[in-house]
Protein backbone atom coordinates (compact mmCIF):
# COMPACT_ATOMS: atom_id res chain seq x y z
CA THR A 1 66.07 112.24 109.03
CA ILE A 2 67.25 113.87 105.81
CA ALA A 3 66.09 117.17 104.40
CA TYR A 4 64.90 117.28 100.51
CA PRO A 5 66.55 117.08 98.25
CA ASN A 6 69.45 115.64 100.04
CA SER A 7 70.84 112.02 100.54
CA GLY A 8 71.87 110.22 103.50
CA THR A 9 73.99 107.28 104.13
CA PHE A 10 74.99 104.79 106.88
CA THR A 11 77.38 101.76 107.23
CA VAL A 12 76.20 98.22 107.68
CA SER A 13 78.68 96.31 110.11
CA GLY A 14 78.57 92.62 111.17
CA ALA A 15 77.06 91.38 108.03
CA GLN A 16 78.20 87.95 106.79
CA GLY A 17 76.54 87.46 103.39
CA ALA A 18 75.86 89.67 100.40
CA LEU A 19 73.92 92.91 101.18
CA SER A 20 70.53 93.86 99.31
CA VAL A 21 68.45 96.97 100.29
CA ALA A 22 64.70 98.03 99.70
CA SER A 23 62.53 101.13 100.50
CA SER A 24 58.97 100.69 101.78
CA ALA A 25 58.11 104.02 99.87
CA THR A 26 60.26 104.66 96.76
CA GLY A 27 57.94 107.50 96.22
CA VAL A 28 59.51 109.16 99.45
CA ALA A 29 62.89 107.71 99.15
CA THR A 30 65.05 105.30 97.25
CA ALA A 31 67.99 103.16 98.62
CA SER A 32 70.84 101.55 97.19
CA VAL A 33 73.92 99.52 98.56
CA SER A 34 77.50 99.56 97.61
CA GLY A 35 79.73 97.36 99.60
CA THR A 36 78.54 97.98 103.17
CA THR A 37 77.44 101.72 102.68
CA VAL A 38 73.59 102.34 102.21
CA THR A 39 72.86 105.45 100.43
CA MET A 40 69.09 106.82 100.63
CA LYS A 41 68.01 109.60 98.20
CA SER A 42 65.13 111.66 99.21
CA VAL A 43 62.03 111.94 96.46
CA LYS A 44 59.78 113.84 98.53
CA PRO A 45 58.90 114.55 102.26
CA GLY A 46 57.36 111.56 103.94
CA SER A 47 58.26 108.45 105.84
CA ALA A 48 59.82 105.22 104.52
CA THR A 49 61.30 102.23 106.05
CA ILE A 50 64.70 100.99 104.54
CA THR A 51 65.23 97.37 104.92
CA VAL A 52 68.90 95.95 104.75
CA THR A 53 69.06 92.21 104.03
CA ALA A 54 72.18 90.05 104.47
CA ALA A 55 72.03 86.77 102.54
CA GLY A 56 72.90 83.87 104.65
CA ASN A 57 75.72 81.31 103.98
CA GLU A 58 76.77 77.95 105.49
CA ASN A 59 77.05 79.20 108.87
CA TYR A 60 74.40 81.85 109.13
CA LYS A 61 70.71 82.44 108.21
CA ASP A 62 69.61 85.45 106.11
CA GLY A 63 69.11 88.33 108.42
CA SER A 64 67.65 91.93 107.94
CA LYS A 65 67.47 95.11 109.98
CA THR A 66 65.20 98.12 109.25
CA TYR A 67 66.06 101.80 109.44
CA ALA A 68 63.15 104.26 109.86
CA LEU A 69 63.70 107.38 107.63
CA THR A 70 61.86 110.62 107.59
CA VAL A 71 62.38 112.95 104.78
CA VAL A 72 61.36 116.64 105.91
CA LYS A 73 60.85 119.56 103.52
CA GLY A 74 63.89 121.28 102.51
CA THR A 75 65.32 124.81 103.18
CA ASN A 76 64.10 127.18 100.54
CA THR A 77 66.76 129.67 99.36
CA LEU A 78 65.36 133.28 98.74
CA THR A 79 67.90 135.72 97.30
CA LEU A 80 67.26 139.32 96.36
CA SER A 81 69.44 141.36 93.87
CA ALA A 82 70.16 143.85 96.68
CA THR A 83 69.12 144.16 100.49
CA SER A 84 69.20 147.77 100.87
CA GLY A 85 68.71 151.10 99.02
CA SER A 86 67.47 154.54 98.90
CA THR A 87 65.46 156.70 96.73
CA SER A 88 64.06 160.31 96.48
CA TYR A 89 60.53 161.02 96.98
CA PRO A 90 58.53 160.49 94.69
CA SER A 91 60.71 158.11 92.58
CA SER A 92 59.99 154.59 92.63
CA LYS A 93 62.83 151.96 93.09
CA THR A 94 62.85 148.37 92.12
CA PHE A 95 64.97 145.29 92.88
CA THR A 96 64.55 141.57 91.97
CA VAL A 97 64.27 138.14 93.41
CA SER A 98 67.31 136.50 91.95
CA LYS A 99 66.96 133.06 93.56
CA ASN A 100 63.72 131.22 94.75
CA THR A 101 64.64 127.45 94.98
CA SER A 102 61.18 126.45 95.71
CA ASN A 103 59.70 128.32 93.09
CA GLY A 104 56.99 129.00 95.69
CA ALA A 105 54.50 131.76 94.97
CA LEU A 106 56.13 135.40 95.93
CA SER A 107 54.43 138.03 97.87
CA VAL A 108 55.51 141.24 99.33
CA SER A 109 54.97 143.49 102.11
CA SER A 110 56.03 146.90 103.59
CA SER A 111 56.57 147.43 107.32
CA SER A 112 55.50 151.06 106.99
CA THR A 113 53.01 151.73 104.16
CA GLY A 114 52.99 155.16 105.04
CA VAL A 115 56.61 155.42 103.89
CA ALA A 116 56.47 152.98 101.04
CA ALA A 117 54.07 150.63 99.12
CA ALA A 118 55.46 147.59 97.68
CA SER A 119 54.29 145.23 94.76
CA ILE A 120 55.68 142.42 92.98
CA SER A 121 55.23 141.36 89.30
CA GLY A 122 57.07 138.18 88.41
CA ALA A 123 60.36 138.48 90.19
CA THR A 124 60.61 142.31 90.32
CA VAL A 125 59.47 144.34 93.32
CA THR A 126 58.52 147.75 92.93
CA MET A 127 58.52 150.36 95.91
CA THR A 128 56.47 153.22 95.68
CA PRO A 129 57.56 156.18 98.20
CA LYS A 130 54.55 157.84 100.03
CA ALA A 131 56.76 159.83 102.42
CA THR A 132 60.21 160.37 103.70
CA GLY A 133 61.51 157.75 106.35
CA THR A 134 62.46 153.99 106.21
CA ALA A 135 60.64 150.78 105.49
CA THR A 136 61.59 147.07 105.56
CA ILE A 137 60.36 145.54 102.52
CA THR A 138 59.73 141.59 103.07
CA VAL A 139 59.47 139.28 100.23
CA THR A 140 58.06 135.69 100.93
CA SER A 141 58.22 132.62 98.96
CA ALA A 142 55.23 130.43 100.02
CA ALA A 143 55.97 126.80 101.23
CA THR A 144 55.43 124.13 98.73
CA ASP A 145 55.03 120.29 99.06
CA TYR A 146 58.82 120.16 98.92
CA TYR A 147 60.14 123.11 100.66
CA ASN A 148 59.42 125.40 103.82
CA GLU A 149 58.49 129.08 103.48
CA ALA A 150 61.33 131.57 103.08
CA LYS A 151 61.60 135.41 103.56
CA ALA A 152 64.07 137.88 102.60
CA THR A 153 64.14 141.73 103.52
CA TYR A 154 65.20 145.01 101.73
CA ALA A 155 65.76 148.08 103.77
CA LEU A 156 64.56 151.08 102.20
CA THR A 157 65.22 154.70 102.96
CA VAL A 158 62.94 157.42 101.34
CA ASN A 159 64.70 160.90 101.30
CA LYS A 160 63.38 164.07 100.64
CA GLY A 161 62.86 165.05 97.04
CA THR A 162 63.99 168.04 95.06
CA ILE A 163 61.48 170.53 93.84
CA THR A 164 62.05 171.87 90.34
CA ALA A 165 60.40 174.98 89.45
CA THR A 166 60.31 176.16 85.77
CA VAL A 167 58.92 179.42 84.43
CA SER A 168 56.65 179.15 81.35
CA ASN A 169 56.71 182.74 79.99
CA PRO A 170 59.76 184.56 81.34
CA SER A 171 59.09 187.73 79.38
CA LYS A 172 55.51 188.23 80.64
CA VAL A 173 55.32 191.09 83.02
CA TYR A 174 53.26 190.04 86.07
CA ASP A 175 50.00 192.08 86.37
CA GLY A 176 48.61 190.51 89.58
CA THR A 177 46.19 187.99 87.58
C-alpha cells in the first residue's frame, strides 16, 4: 500500500534472467525496473497488480510473480497563517489558509457562534465577534478524489471593547432637553 502521490519500491531476488515489469492499471500506478529494484509510482487511488517477469535462459524457463498494490488517498496538509489570536469587541479579525495540498473546497465553523461568527472568502477567514469569550474556529478542506479531508483550528479570544465617548458641542449649556 502506498499513499498518493508517493512512490514505493521492492527488490526482486533469485531472478536469473533480465527483468521486466508491468502494471495492470497504469491509471492507478506505473511501474519500472532498474536492476533488481522495482519502483511503483502512484497516479491516483485504486488497485493495480504489478507483474514482474524474469526472462528465461538456457537453464530456466521464463517466470513471473505478481504484487498486489493499493494506492490510498494522500494526506492533505492544511496550514493556517496563525493558530491563535485575540481581538477586542467589536473588531473583526482575519487569518488566511496558507497551504491546502488537495485544493479541496474550504469551509469554516465556530465552536461558539455566540462569541464569534466565522466566514471564508477564498483563503481568507474573517471572525466577527458577538460577545467576549473564546471560540475555536475550525477550517475544513473537503476530501477530493486524491486526498483525505483535513482540518486546522484557530483559537480566538474576544476581549472587552473600549467605549469611546465624544462630546459634539462642548460649549452648549445643558438645559435638560
